[in-house]
Every structure is written in C-alpha cells, then in structure tokens.
C-alpha cells in the first residue's frame, strides 16, 4: 500500500458584509478519481484557518495496494 501526504494553502475569496464565507475548519473525508485512468482511493483533509482569507490544508490518501 502506498501513501502520500501533501500540505497546501488554500486562498479563499475576500469576505464582505454582503457575502459571508463558510467556515471550512475541521476534518473532511471523501475520495479522489483520476481523470486519466479512472483509478480511485480514499482521501482525507484537515482544514485549519490561518486568517479570514486563508486556510492551511493537509491532505492524506491511498494511491495503490501492494499485491
């Protein structure tokens, strides 16, 4: 089984009084799908808000199994 981890910073649009942005803070789970070959796998992400406009996102998931 191969594992990968990637850290990224997601920049969100500036919020204003008229358009409140949702709070994405927390742990999210789902799956990824390759556009090239259709492979899929589980994926998790942890969103940590740095300031009103930026989040730090840490991803982890499974890419393949060892047979």
PDB file of N, CA and C in Angstrom:
ATOM      1  N   UNK A   1       0.851  -1.167   0.000  1.00  0.00           N
ATOM      2  CA  UNK A   1       0.000   0.000   0.000  1.00  0.00           C
ATOM      3  C   UNK A   1       0.899   1.234   0.000  1.00  0.00           C
ATOM      4  N   UNK A   2       0.639   2.128  -0.882  1.00  0.00           N
ATOM      5  CA  UNK A   2       1.409   3.364  -0.976  1.00  0.00           C
ATOM      6  C   UNK A   2       0.592   4.502  -0.388  1.00  0.00           C
ATOM      7  N   UNK A   3       1.231   5.382   0.381  1.00  0.00           N
ATOM      8  CA  UNK A   3       0.523   6.521   0.977  1.00  0.00           C
ATOM      9  C   UNK A   3       1.218   7.801   0.569  1.00  0.00           C
ATOM     10  N   UNK A   4       0.482   8.871   0.509  1.00  0.00           N
ATOM     11  CA  UNK A   4       1.084  10.163   0.210  1.00  0.00           C
ATOM     12  C   UNK A   4       0.457  11.222   1.099  1.00  0.00           C
ATOM     13  N   UNK A   5       1.195  12.259   1.322  1.00  0.00           N
ATOM     14  CA  UNK A   5       0.669  13.388   2.095  1.00  0.00           C
ATOM     15  C   UNK A   5       1.118  14.666   1.408  1.00  0.00           C
ATOM     16  N   UNK A   6       0.288  15.643   1.409  1.00  0.00           N
ATOM     17  CA  UNK A   6       0.585  16.901   0.741  1.00  0.00           C
ATOM     18  C   UNK A   6       0.023  18.035   1.563  1.00  0.00           C
ATOM     19  N   UNK A   7       0.822  19.060   1.808  1.00  0.00           N
ATOM     20  CA  UNK A   7       0.326  20.235   2.522  1.00  0.00           C
ATOM     21  C   UNK A   7       0.166  21.361   1.519  1.00  0.00           C
ATOM     22  N   UNK A   8      -0.897  22.090   1.630  1.00  0.00           N
ATOM     23  CA  UNK A   8      -1.158  23.195   0.711  1.00  0.00           C
ATOM     24  C   UNK A   8      -1.888  24.294   1.450  1.00  0.00           C
ATOM     25  N   UNK A   9      -1.811  25.457   0.915  1.00  0.00           N
ATOM     26  CA  UNK A   9      -2.553  26.572   1.478  1.00  0.00           C
ATOM     27  C   UNK A   9      -3.606  26.986   0.469  1.00  0.00           C
ATOM     28  N   UNK A  10      -4.853  26.962   0.909  1.00  0.00           N
ATOM     29  CA  UNK A  10      -5.959  27.353   0.039  1.00  0.00           C
ATOM     30  C   UNK A  10      -6.303  28.802   0.335  1.00  0.00           C
ATOM     31  N   UNK A  11      -6.360  29.603  -0.685  1.00  0.00           N
ATOM     32  CA  UNK A  11      -6.712  31.012  -0.514  1.00  0.00           C
ATOM     33  C   UNK A  11      -8.161  31.194  -0.943  1.00  0.00           C
ATOM     34  N   UNK A  12      -8.950  31.739  -0.060  1.00  0.00           N
ATOM     35  CA  UNK A  12     -10.364  31.951  -0.355  1.00  0.00           C
ATOM     36  C   UNK A  12     -10.611  33.405  -0.719  1.00  0.00           C
ATOM     37  N   UNK A  13     -11.692  33.632  -1.421  1.00  0.00           N
ATOM     38  CA  UNK A  13     -12.064  34.999  -1.794  1.00  0.00           C
ATOM     39  C   UNK A  13     -12.326  35.832  -0.545  1.00  0.00           C
ATOM     40  N   UNK A  14     -12.050  37.110  -0.645  1.00  0.00           N
ATOM     41  CA  UNK A  14     -12.271  38.014   0.494  1.00  0.00           C
ATOM     42  C   UNK A  14     -13.742  38.031   0.854  1.00  0.00           C
ATOM     43  N   UNK A  15     -14.005  38.001   2.152  1.00  0.00           N
ATOM     44  CA  UNK A  15     -15.399  38.066   2.574  1.00  0.00           C
ATOM     45  C   UNK A  15     -15.789  39.515   2.789  1.00  0.00           C
ATOM     46  N   UNK A  16     -17.044  39.786   2.581  1.00  0.00           N
ATOM     47  CA  UNK A  16     -17.575  41.122   2.822  1.00  0.00           C
ATOM     48  C   UNK A  16     -18.858  40.974   3.621  1.00  0.00           C
ATOM     49  N   UNK A  17     -19.401  42.078   4.077  1.00  0.00           N
ATOM     50  CA  UNK A  17     -20.635  42.029   4.872  1.00  0.00           C
ATOM     51  C   UNK A  17     -21.770  41.391   4.067  1.00  0.00           C
ATOM     52  N   UNK A  18     -21.787  41.596   2.755  1.00  0.00           N
ATOM     53  CA  UNK A  18     -22.874  41.083   1.922  1.00  0.00           C
ATOM     54  C   UNK A  18     -22.710  39.593   1.613  1.00  0.00           C
ATOM     55  N   UNK A  19     -21.474  39.091   1.563  1.00  0.00           N
ATOM     56  CA  UNK A  19     -21.239  37.695   1.211  1.00  0.00           C
ATOM     57  C   UNK A  19     -20.382  37.031   2.282  1.00  0.00           C
ATOM     58  N   UNK A  20     -21.000  36.398   3.239  1.00  0.00           N
ATOM     59  CA  UNK A  20     -20.277  35.698   4.306  1.00  0.00           C
ATOM     60  C   UNK A  20     -19.726  34.387   3.760  1.00  0.00           C
ATOM     61  N   UNK A  21     -18.473  34.089   4.084  1.00  0.00           N
ATOM     62  CA  UNK A  21     -17.826  32.853   3.650  1.00  0.00           C
ATOM     63  C   UNK A  21     -18.074  31.757   4.684  1.00  0.00           C
ATOM     64  N   UNK A  22     -18.264  30.509   4.247  1.00  0.00           N
ATOM     65  CA  UNK A  22     -18.464  29.413   5.199  1.00  0.00           C
ATOM     66  C   UNK A  22     -17.159  29.101   5.934  1.00  0.00           C
ATOM     67  N   UNK A  23     -17.264  28.596   7.145  1.00  0.00           N
ATOM     68  CA  UNK A  23     -16.091  28.177   7.908  1.00  0.00           C
ATOM     69  C   UNK A  23     -15.775  26.738   7.523  1.00  0.00           C
ATOM     70  N   UNK A  24     -14.641  26.500   6.894  1.00  0.00           N
ATOM     71  CA  UNK A  24     -14.251  25.173   6.419  1.00  0.00           C
ATOM     72  C   UNK A  24     -13.415  24.406   7.437  1.00  0.00           C
ATOM     73  N   UNK A  25     -13.132  25.009   8.588  1.00  0.00           N
ATOM     74  CA  UNK A  25     -12.279  24.398   9.596  1.00  0.00           C
ATOM     75  C   UNK A  25     -12.786  23.016   9.995  1.00  0.00           C
ATOM     76  N   UNK A  26     -11.867  22.046  10.081  1.00  0.00           N
ATOM     77  CA  UNK A  26     -12.223  20.704  10.529  1.00  0.00           C
ATOM     78  C   UNK A  26     -11.638  19.638   9.626  1.00  0.00           C
ATOM     79  N   UNK A  27     -12.053  18.405   9.863  1.00  0.00           N
ATOM     80  CA  UNK A  27     -11.582  17.258   9.096  1.00  0.00           C
ATOM     81  C   UNK A  27     -12.647  16.848   8.086  1.00  0.00           C
ATOM     82  N   UNK A  28     -12.227  16.679   6.843  1.00  0.00           N
ATOM     83  CA  UNK A  28     -13.120  16.295   5.753  1.00  0.00           C
ATOM     84  C   UNK A  28     -12.653  14.955   5.196  1.00  0.00           C
ATOM     85  N   UNK A  29     -13.571  14.150   4.679  1.00  0.00           N
ATOM     86  CA  UNK A  29     -13.196  12.888   4.058  1.00  0.00           C
ATOM     87  C   UNK A  29     -13.991  12.690   2.780  1.00  0.00           C
ATOM     88  N   UNK A  30     -13.418  11.903   1.896  1.00  0.00           N
ATOM     89  CA  UNK A  30     -14.059  11.630   0.620  1.00  0.00           C
ATOM     90  C   UNK A  30     -13.180  10.697  -0.198  1.00  0.00           C
ATOM     91  N   UNK A  31     -13.139  10.892  -1.499  1.00  0.00           N
ATOM     92  CA  UNK A  31     -12.304  10.063  -2.359  1.00  0.00           C
ATOM     93  C   UNK A  31     -11.816  10.886  -3.539  1.00  0.00           C
ATOM     94  N   UNK A  32     -10.764  10.413  -4.181  1.00  0.00           N
ATOM     95  CA  UNK A  32     -10.232  11.060  -5.378  1.00  0.00           C
ATOM     96  C   UNK A  32     -10.482  10.147  -6.558  1.00  0.00           C
ATOM     97  N   UNK A  33     -10.555  10.718  -7.755  1.00  0.00           N
ATOM     98  CA  UNK A  33     -10.743   9.970  -9.003  1.00  0.00           C
ATOM     99  C   UNK A  33      -9.774  10.532 -10.038  1.00  0.00           C
ATOM    100  N   UNK A  34      -9.018   9.655 -10.690  1.00  0.00           N
ATOM    101  CA  UNK A  34      -8.096  10.068 -11.738  1.00  0.00           C
ATOM    102  C   UNK A  34      -8.863  10.322 -13.030  1.00  0.00           C
ATOM    103  N   UNK A  35      -8.663  11.490 -13.633  1.00  0.00           N
ATOM    104  CA  UNK A  35      -9.268  11.776 -14.937  1.00  0.00           C
ATOM    105  C   UNK A  35      -8.624  10.952 -16.042  1.00  0.00           C
ATOM    106  N   UNK A  36      -7.377  10.546 -15.834  1.00  0.00           N
ATOM    107  CA  UNK A  36      -6.633   9.830 -16.874  1.00  0.00           C
ATOM    108  C   UNK A  36      -7.028   8.359 -16.989  1.00  0.00           C
ATOM    109  N   UNK A  37      -7.108   7.627 -15.840  1.00  0.00           N
ATOM    110  CA  UNK A  37      -7.345   6.192 -15.924  1.00  0.00           C
ATOM    111  C   UNK A  37      -8.499   5.692 -15.051  1.00  0.00           C
ATOM    112  N   UNK A  38      -9.186   6.577 -14.336  1.00  0.00           N
ATOM    113  CA  UNK A  38     -10.343   6.182 -13.550  1.00  0.00           C
ATOM    114  C   UNK A  38     -10.034   5.568 -12.195  1.00  0.00           C
ATOM    115  N   UNK A  39      -8.749   5.461 -11.821  1.00  0.00           N
ATOM    116  CA  UNK A  39      -8.410   4.918 -10.503  1.00  0.00           C
ATOM    117  C   UNK A  39      -9.007   5.820  -9.420  1.00  0.00           C
ATOM    118  N   UNK A  40      -9.352   5.215  -8.284  1.00  0.00           N
ATOM    119  CA  UNK A  40      -9.916   5.962  -7.168  1.00  0.00           C
ATOM    120  C   UNK A  40      -9.259   5.532  -5.867  1.00  0.00           C
ATOM    121  N   UNK A  41      -9.493   6.291  -4.819  1.00  0.00           N
ATOM    122  CA  UNK A  41      -8.989   5.940  -3.498  1.00  0.00           C
ATOM    123  C   UNK A  41      -9.528   6.888  -2.453  1.00  0.00           C
ATOM    124  N   UNK A  42      -9.421   6.486  -1.178  1.00  0.00           N
ATOM    125  CA  UNK A  42      -9.902   7.351  -0.111  1.00  0.00           C
ATOM    126  C   UNK A  42      -8.986   8.553   0.077  1.00  0.00           C
ATOM    127  N   UNK A  43      -9.545   9.627   0.616  1.00  0.00           N
ATOM    128  CA  UNK A  43      -8.769  10.844   0.830  1.00  0.00           C
ATOM    129  C   UNK A  43      -9.346  11.585   2.022  1.00  0.00           C
ATOM    130  N   UNK A  44      -8.467  12.152   2.851  1.00  0.00           N
ATOM    131  CA  UNK A  44      -8.894  12.972   3.982  1.00  0.00           C
ATOM    132  C   UNK A  44      -8.149  14.293   3.936  1.00  0.00           C
ATOM    133  N   UNK A  45      -8.757  15.321   4.494  1.00  0.00           N
ATOM    134  CA  UNK A  45      -8.123  16.638   4.540  1.00  0.00           C
ATOM    135  C   UNK A  45      -8.451  17.300   5.870  1.00  0.00           C
ATOM    136  N   UNK A  46      -7.471  18.010   6.420  1.00  0.00           N
ATOM    137  CA  UNK A  46      -7.688  18.779   7.642  1.00  0.00           C
ATOM    138  C   UNK A  46      -7.502  20.249   7.298  1.00  0.00           C
ATOM    139  N   UNK A  47      -8.552  21.047   7.488  1.00  0.00           N
ATOM    140  CA  UNK A  47      -8.541  22.476   7.197  1.00  0.00           C
ATOM    141  C   UNK A  47      -8.321  23.250   8.500  1.00  0.00           C
ATOM    142  N   UNK A  48      -7.290  24.104   8.519  1.00  0.00           N
ATOM    143  CA  UNK A  48      -7.009  24.967   9.654  1.00  0.00           C
ATOM    144  C   UNK A  48      -7.018  26.403   9.163  1.00  0.00           C
ATOM    145  N   UNK A  49      -7.880  27.236   9.726  1.00  0.00           N
ATOM    146  CA  UNK A  49      -7.966  28.624   9.271  1.00  0.00           C
ATOM    147  C   UNK A  49      -6.787  29.426   9.817  1.00  0.00           C
ATOM    148  N   UNK A  50      -6.055  30.089   8.907  1.00  0.00           N
ATOM    149  CA  UNK A  50      -4.915  30.918   9.282  1.00  0.00           C
ATOM    150  C   UNK A  50      -5.342  32.346   9.569  1.00  0.00           C
ATOM    151  N   UNK A  51      -6.269  32.847   8.769  1.00  0.00           N
ATOM    152  CA  UNK A  51      -6.834  34.185   8.935  1.00  0.00           C
ATOM    153  C   UNK A  51      -8.151  34.192   8.152  1.00  0.00           C
ATOM    154  N   UNK A  52      -8.885  35.278   8.125  1.00  0.00           N
ATOM    155  CA  UNK A  52     -10.189  35.267   7.425  1.00  0.00           C
ATOM    156  C   UNK A  52     -10.114  34.926   5.933  1.00  0.00           C
ATOM    157  N   UNK A  53      -8.938  35.002   5.331  1.00  0.00           N
ATOM    158  CA  UNK A  53      -8.810  34.764   3.887  1.00  0.00           C
ATOM    159  C   UNK A  53      -8.020  33.521   3.507  1.00  0.00           C
ATOM    160  N   UNK A  54      -7.390  32.833   4.455  1.00  0.00           N
ATOM    161  CA  UNK A  54      -6.524  31.701   4.115  1.00  0.00           C
ATOM    162  C   UNK A  54      -6.737  30.518   5.055  1.00  0.00           C
ATOM    163  N   UNK A  55      -6.596  29.314   4.468  1.00  0.00           N
ATOM    164  CA  UNK A  55      -6.629  28.066   5.223  1.00  0.00           C
ATOM    165  C   UNK A  55      -5.368  27.276   4.908  1.00  0.00           C
ATOM    166  N   UNK A  56      -4.854  26.557   5.880  1.00  0.00           N
ATOM    167  CA  UNK A  56      -3.796  25.566   5.648  1.00  0.00           C
ATOM    168  C   UNK A  56      -4.534  24.236   5.532  1.00  0.00           C
ATOM    169  N   UNK A  57      -4.248  23.466   4.469  1.00  0.00           N
ATOM    170  CA  UNK A  57      -4.935  22.199   4.248  1.00  0.00           C
ATOM    171  C   UNK A  57      -3.903  21.089   4.155  1.00  0.00           C
ATOM    172  N   UNK A  58      -4.052  20.054   4.989  1.00  0.00           N
ATOM    173  CA  UNK A  58      -3.167  18.894   4.959  1.00  0.00           C
ATOM    174  C   UNK A  58      -3.978  17.718   4.432  1.00  0.00           C
ATOM    175  N   UNK A  59      -3.495  17.124   3.321  1.00  0.00           N
ATOM    176  CA  UNK A  59      -4.195  16.023   2.667  1.00  0.00           C
ATOM    177  C   UNK A  59      -3.486  14.710   2.940  1.00  0.00           C
ATOM    178  N   UNK A  60      -4.245  13.609   3.010  1.00  0.00           N
ATOM    179  CA  UNK A  60      -3.655  12.275   3.030  1.00  0.00           C
ATOM    180  C   UNK A  60      -4.624  11.338   2.320  1.00  0.00           C
ATOM    181  N   UNK A  61      -4.069  10.302   1.702  1.00  0.00           N
ATOM    182  CA  UNK A  61      -4.914   9.365   0.973  1.00  0.00           C
ATOM    183  C   UNK A  61      -4.145   8.136   0.566  1.00  0.00           C
ATOM    184  N   UNK A  62      -4.833   7.186  -0.046  1.00  0.00           N
ATOM    185  CA  UNK A  62      -4.194   5.951  -0.505  1.00  0.00           C
ATOM    186  C   UNK A  62      -4.192   5.958  -2.028  1.00  0.00           C
ATOM    187  N   UNK A  63      -3.043   5.609  -2.596  1.00  0.00           N
ATOM    188  CA  UNK A  63      -2.893   5.615  -4.047  1.00  0.00           C
ATOM    189  C   UNK A  63      -3.008   4.217  -4.641  1.00  0.00           C
ATOM    190  N   UNK A  64      -2.372   3.221  -4.037  1.00  0.00           N
ATOM    191  CA  UNK A  64      -2.373   1.875  -4.628  1.00  0.00           C
ATOM    192  C   UNK A  64      -2.169   0.816  -3.542  1.00  0.00           C
ATOM    193  N   UNK A  65      -2.496  -0.426  -3.872  1.00  0.00           N
ATOM    194  CA  UNK A  65      -2.275  -1.557  -2.959  1.00  0.00           C
ATOM    195  C   UNK A  65      -1.056  -2.338  -3.422  1.00  0.00           C
ATOM    196  N   UNK A  66      -0.390  -2.968  -2.467  1.00  0.00           N
ATOM    197  CA  UNK A  66       0.704  -3.896  -2.795  1.00  0.00           C
ATOM    198  C   UNK A  66       0.093  -5.283  -2.836  1.00  0.00           C
ATOM    199  N   UNK A  67       0.330  -5.996  -3.941  1.00  0.00           N
ATOM    200  CA  UNK A  67      -0.270  -7.340  -4.093  1.00  0.00           C
ATOM    201  C   UNK A  67       0.710  -8.379  -3.615  1.00  0.00           C
TER     202      UNK A  67
END
